[in-house]
C-alpha atoms as a PDB file:
ATOM      1  CA  UNK A   1       0.026  -0.008  -0.004  1.00  0.00           C
ATOM      2  CA  UNK A   2       1.515   3.309  -1.090  1.00  0.00           C
ATOM      3  CA  UNK A   3       1.171   6.496   0.886  1.00  0.00           C
ATOM      4  CA  UNK A   4       0.369   9.912  -0.498  1.00  0.00           C
ATOM      5  CA  UNK A   5       4.036  10.859  -0.252  1.00  0.00           C
ATOM      6  CA  UNK A   6       4.952   8.086  -2.587  1.00  0.00           C
ATOM      7  CA  UNK A   7       2.515   9.374  -5.255  1.00  0.00           C
ATOM      8  CA  UNK A   8       3.904  12.915  -4.905  1.00  0.00           C
ATOM      9  CA  UNK A   9       7.441  11.591  -5.392  1.00  0.00           C
ATOM     10  CA  UNK A  10       6.442   9.533  -8.452  1.00  0.00           C
ATOM     11  CA  UNK A  11       4.701  12.576  -9.999  1.00  0.00           C
ATOM     12  CA  UNK A  12       7.655  14.862  -9.378  1.00  0.00           C
ATOM     13  CA  UNK A  13      10.001  12.327 -10.896  1.00  0.00           C
ATOM     14  CA  UNK A  14       7.847  11.886 -13.966  1.00  0.00           C
ATOM     15  CA  UNK A  15       7.526  15.627 -14.408  1.00  0.00           C
ATOM     16  CA  UNK A  16      11.267  16.089 -14.207  1.00  0.00           C
ATOM     17  CA  UNK A  17      11.813  13.317 -16.778  1.00  0.00           C
ATOM     18  CA  UNK A  18       9.449  14.931 -19.196  1.00  0.00           C
ATOM     19  CA  UNK A  19      11.063  18.389 -18.731  1.00  0.00           C
ATOM     20  CA  UNK A  20      14.520  16.890 -19.209  1.00  0.00           C
ATOM     21  CA  UNK A  21      13.469  14.983 -22.340  1.00  0.00           C
ATOM     22  CA  UNK A  22      11.813  18.009 -23.969  1.00  0.00           C
ATOM     23  CA  UNK A  23      14.674  20.351 -23.022  1.00  0.00           C
ATOM     24  CA  UNK A  24      17.178  18.296 -24.970  1.00  0.00           C
ATOM     25  CA  UNK A  25      15.257  18.068 -28.171  1.00  0.00           C
ATOM     26  CA  UNK A  26      15.828  20.523 -31.092  1.00  0.00           C
ATOM     27  CA  UNK A  27      13.135  22.829 -31.986  1.00  0.00           C
ATOM     28  CA  UNK A  28      10.815  21.854 -34.866  1.00  0.00           C
ATOM     29  CA  UNK A  29      12.358  22.833 -38.155  1.00  0.00           C
ATOM     30  CA  UNK A  30      15.895  23.341 -36.722  1.00  0.00           C
ATOM     31  CA  UNK A  31      18.679  21.655 -38.451  1.00  0.00           C
ATOM     32  CA  UNK A  32      20.770  19.191 -36.443  1.00  0.00           C
ATOM     33  CA  UNK A  33      24.387  20.137 -35.652  1.00  0.00           C
ATOM     34  CA  UNK A  34      26.864  18.553 -38.028  1.00  0.00           C
ATOM     35  CA  UNK A  35      30.250  17.284 -37.007  1.00  0.00           C
ATOM     36  CA  UNK A  36      33.144  19.125 -38.667  1.00  0.00           C
ATOM     37  CA  UNK A  37      35.670  16.920 -40.402  1.00  0.00           C
ATOM     38  CA  UNK A  38      38.926  16.488 -38.510  1.00  0.00           C
ATOM     39  CA  UNK A  39      42.019  18.214 -39.924  1.00  0.00           C
ATOM     40  CA  UNK A  40      44.260  15.179 -40.744  1.00  0.00           C
ATOM     41  CA  UNK A  41      46.634  16.792 -43.276  1.00  0.00           C
ATOM     42  CA  UNK A  42      45.439  14.620 -46.106  1.00  0.00           C
ATOM     43  CA  UNK A  43      42.594  14.967 -48.681  1.00  0.00           C
ATOM     44  CA  UNK A  44      40.826  11.766 -47.816  1.00  0.00           C
ATOM     45  CA  UNK A  45      39.509  12.964 -44.399  1.00  0.00           C
ATOM     46  CA  UNK A  46      40.614   9.740 -42.771  1.00  0.00           C
ATOM     47  CA  UNK A  47      41.107   9.604 -39.119  1.00  0.00           C
ATOM     48  CA  UNK A  48      44.595   9.533 -37.837  1.00  0.00           C
ATOM     49  CA  UNK A  49      45.658   6.492 -35.957  1.00  0.00           C
ATOM     50  CA  UNK A  50      45.475   7.084 -32.078  1.00  0.00           C
ATOM     51  CA  UNK A  51      48.968   5.617 -31.733  1.00  0.00           C
ATOM     52  CA  UNK A  52      50.403   8.654 -33.442  1.00  0.00           C
ATOM     53  CA  UNK A  53      49.098  10.874 -30.584  1.00  0.00           C
ATOM     54  CA  UNK A  54      51.496   9.284 -28.063  1.00  0.00           C
ATOM     55  CA  UNK A  55      54.939  10.797 -27.435  1.00  0.00           C
ATOM     56  CA  UNK A  56      57.973   9.065 -28.871  1.00  0.00           C
ATOM     57  CA  UNK A  57      59.580   8.280 -25.543  1.00  0.00           C
ATOM     58  CA  UNK A  58      62.878   8.901 -23.865  1.00  0.00           C
ATOM     59  CA  UNK A  59      65.017   6.646 -26.022  1.00  0.00           C
ATOM     60  CA  UNK A  60      65.651   6.199 -29.704  1.00  0.00           C
ATOM     61  CA  UNK A  61      64.912   2.907 -31.270  1.00  0.00           C
ATOM     62  CA  UNK A  62      68.510   1.989 -31.278  1.00  0.00           C
ATOM     63  CA  UNK A  63      68.897   2.766 -27.576  1.00  0.00           C
ATOM     64  CA  UNK A  64      65.807   0.588 -26.775  1.00  0.00           C
ATOM     65  CA  UNK A  65      67.345  -2.219 -28.807  1.00  0.00           C
ATOM     66  CA  UNK A  66      70.538  -1.903 -26.991  1.00  0.00           C
ATOM     67  CA  UNK A  67      68.881  -2.399 -23.571  1.00  0.00           C
ATOM     68  CA  UNK A  68      67.290   0.916 -22.752  1.00  0.00           C
ATOM     69  CA  UNK A  69      63.983  -0.901 -22.276  1.00  0.00           C
ATOM     70  CA  UNK A  70      65.326  -2.207 -18.995  1.00  0.00           C
ATOM     71  CA  UNK A  71      65.130   1.276 -17.608  1.00  0.00           C
ATOM     72  CA  UNK A  72      61.386   1.422 -18.427  1.00  0.00           C
ATOM     73  CA  UNK A  73      60.872  -1.785 -16.487  1.00  0.00           C
ATOM     74  CA  UNK A  74      62.841  -0.472 -13.494  1.00  0.00           C
ATOM     75  CA  UNK A  75      60.688   2.655 -13.433  1.00  0.00           C
ATOM     76  CA  UNK A  76      57.552   0.508 -13.639  1.00  0.00           C
ATOM     77  CA  UNK A  77      58.816  -1.615 -10.782  1.00  0.00           C
ATOM     78  CA  UNK A  78      59.610   1.497  -8.768  1.00  0.00           C
ATOM     79  CA  UNK A  79      56.132   2.899  -9.289  1.00  0.00           C
ATOM     80  CA  UNK A  80      54.499  -0.371  -8.278  1.00  0.00           C
ATOM     81  CA  UNK A  81      56.542  -0.424  -5.059  1.00  0.00           C
ATOM     82  CA  UNK A  82      55.601   3.191  -4.348  1.00  0.00           C
ATOM     83  CA  UNK A  83      51.904   2.390  -4.709  1.00  0.00           C
ATOM     84  CA  UNK A  84      52.260  -0.700  -2.484  1.00  0.00           C
ATOM     85  CA  UNK A  85      54.008   1.381   0.252  1.00  0.00           C
ATOM     86  CA  UNK A  86      51.343   4.115   0.061  1.00  0.00           C
ATOM     87  CA  UNK A  87      48.564   1.523   0.300  1.00  0.00           C
ATOM     88  CA  UNK A  88      50.191  -0.287   3.237  1.00  0.00           C
ATOM     89  CA  UNK A  89      51.163   2.788   5.241  1.00  0.00           C
ATOM     90  CA  UNK A  90      48.159   5.117   4.702  1.00  0.00           C
ATOM     91  CA  UNK A  91      45.275   3.511   2.874  1.00  0.00           C
ATOM     92  CA  UNK A  92      44.789   0.261   4.737  1.00  0.00           C
ATOM     93  CA  UNK A  93      45.142   1.866   8.272  1.00  0.00           C
ATOM     94  CA  UNK A  94      42.571   4.541   7.277  1.00  0.00           C
ATOM     95  CA  UNK A  95      40.219   1.806   6.180  1.00  0.00           C
ATOM     96  CA  UNK A  96      40.609  -0.002   9.482  1.00  0.00           C
ATOM     97  CA  UNK A  97      39.807   3.191  11.407  1.00  0.00           C
ATOM     98  CA  UNK A  98      36.730   3.876   9.252  1.00  0.00           C
ATOM     99  CA  UNK A  99      35.459   0.326   9.721  1.00  0.00           C
ATOM    100  CA  UNK A 100      35.984   0.412  13.472  1.00  0.00           C
ATOM    101  CA  UNK A 101      34.083   3.697  13.773  1.00  0.00           C
ATOM    102  CA  UNK A 102      31.302   2.314  11.623  1.00  0.00           C
ATOM    103  CA  UNK A 103      31.121  -0.839  13.757  1.00  0.00           C
ATOM    104  CA  UNK A 104      31.008   1.176  16.953  1.00  0.00           C
ATOM    105  CA  UNK A 105      28.216   3.347  15.608  1.00  0.00           C
ATOM    106  CA  UNK A 106      26.206   0.376  14.493  1.00  0.00           C
ATOM    107  CA  UNK A 107      26.639  -1.271  17.886  1.00  0.00           C
ATOM    108  CA  UNK A 108      25.531   1.823  19.699  1.00  0.00           C
ATOM    109  CA  UNK A 109      22.433   2.081  17.413  1.00  0.00           C
ATOM    110  CA  UNK A 110      21.681  -1.647  18.044  1.00  0.00           C
ATOM    111  CA  UNK A 111      21.943  -1.170  21.802  1.00  0.00           C
ATOM    112  CA  UNK A 112      19.573   1.755  21.698  1.00  0.00           C
ATOM    113  CA  UNK A 113      17.097  -0.347  19.787  1.00  0.00           C
ATOM    114  CA  UNK A 114      17.340  -3.297  22.093  1.00  0.00           C
ATOM    115  CA  UNK A 115      17.131  -1.344  25.307  1.00  0.00           C
END
């Protein structure tokens, strides 16, 4: 059985949905916006490969072939170690404090209900 407040909430939600849907529609007779072609530097209007948007890197191809890629792996390892230290030292203790406070609050609420 629904209360009068439930009907009011449903009517307001329906009204907001209708207003939102009509506000995002173009006016009758208005032309729809067209996407402009992307400037790619060629006459075919093809899309440039997303891989060309990345930077080249610190090393040349020859340096990477000679073992420079090892430095990349060392940097990645260093960053993983930094993230693990931050999680262990700061994130996990804060989660423990939050969960303890939440547990204490729920126990107090339960004790008030029972007594």
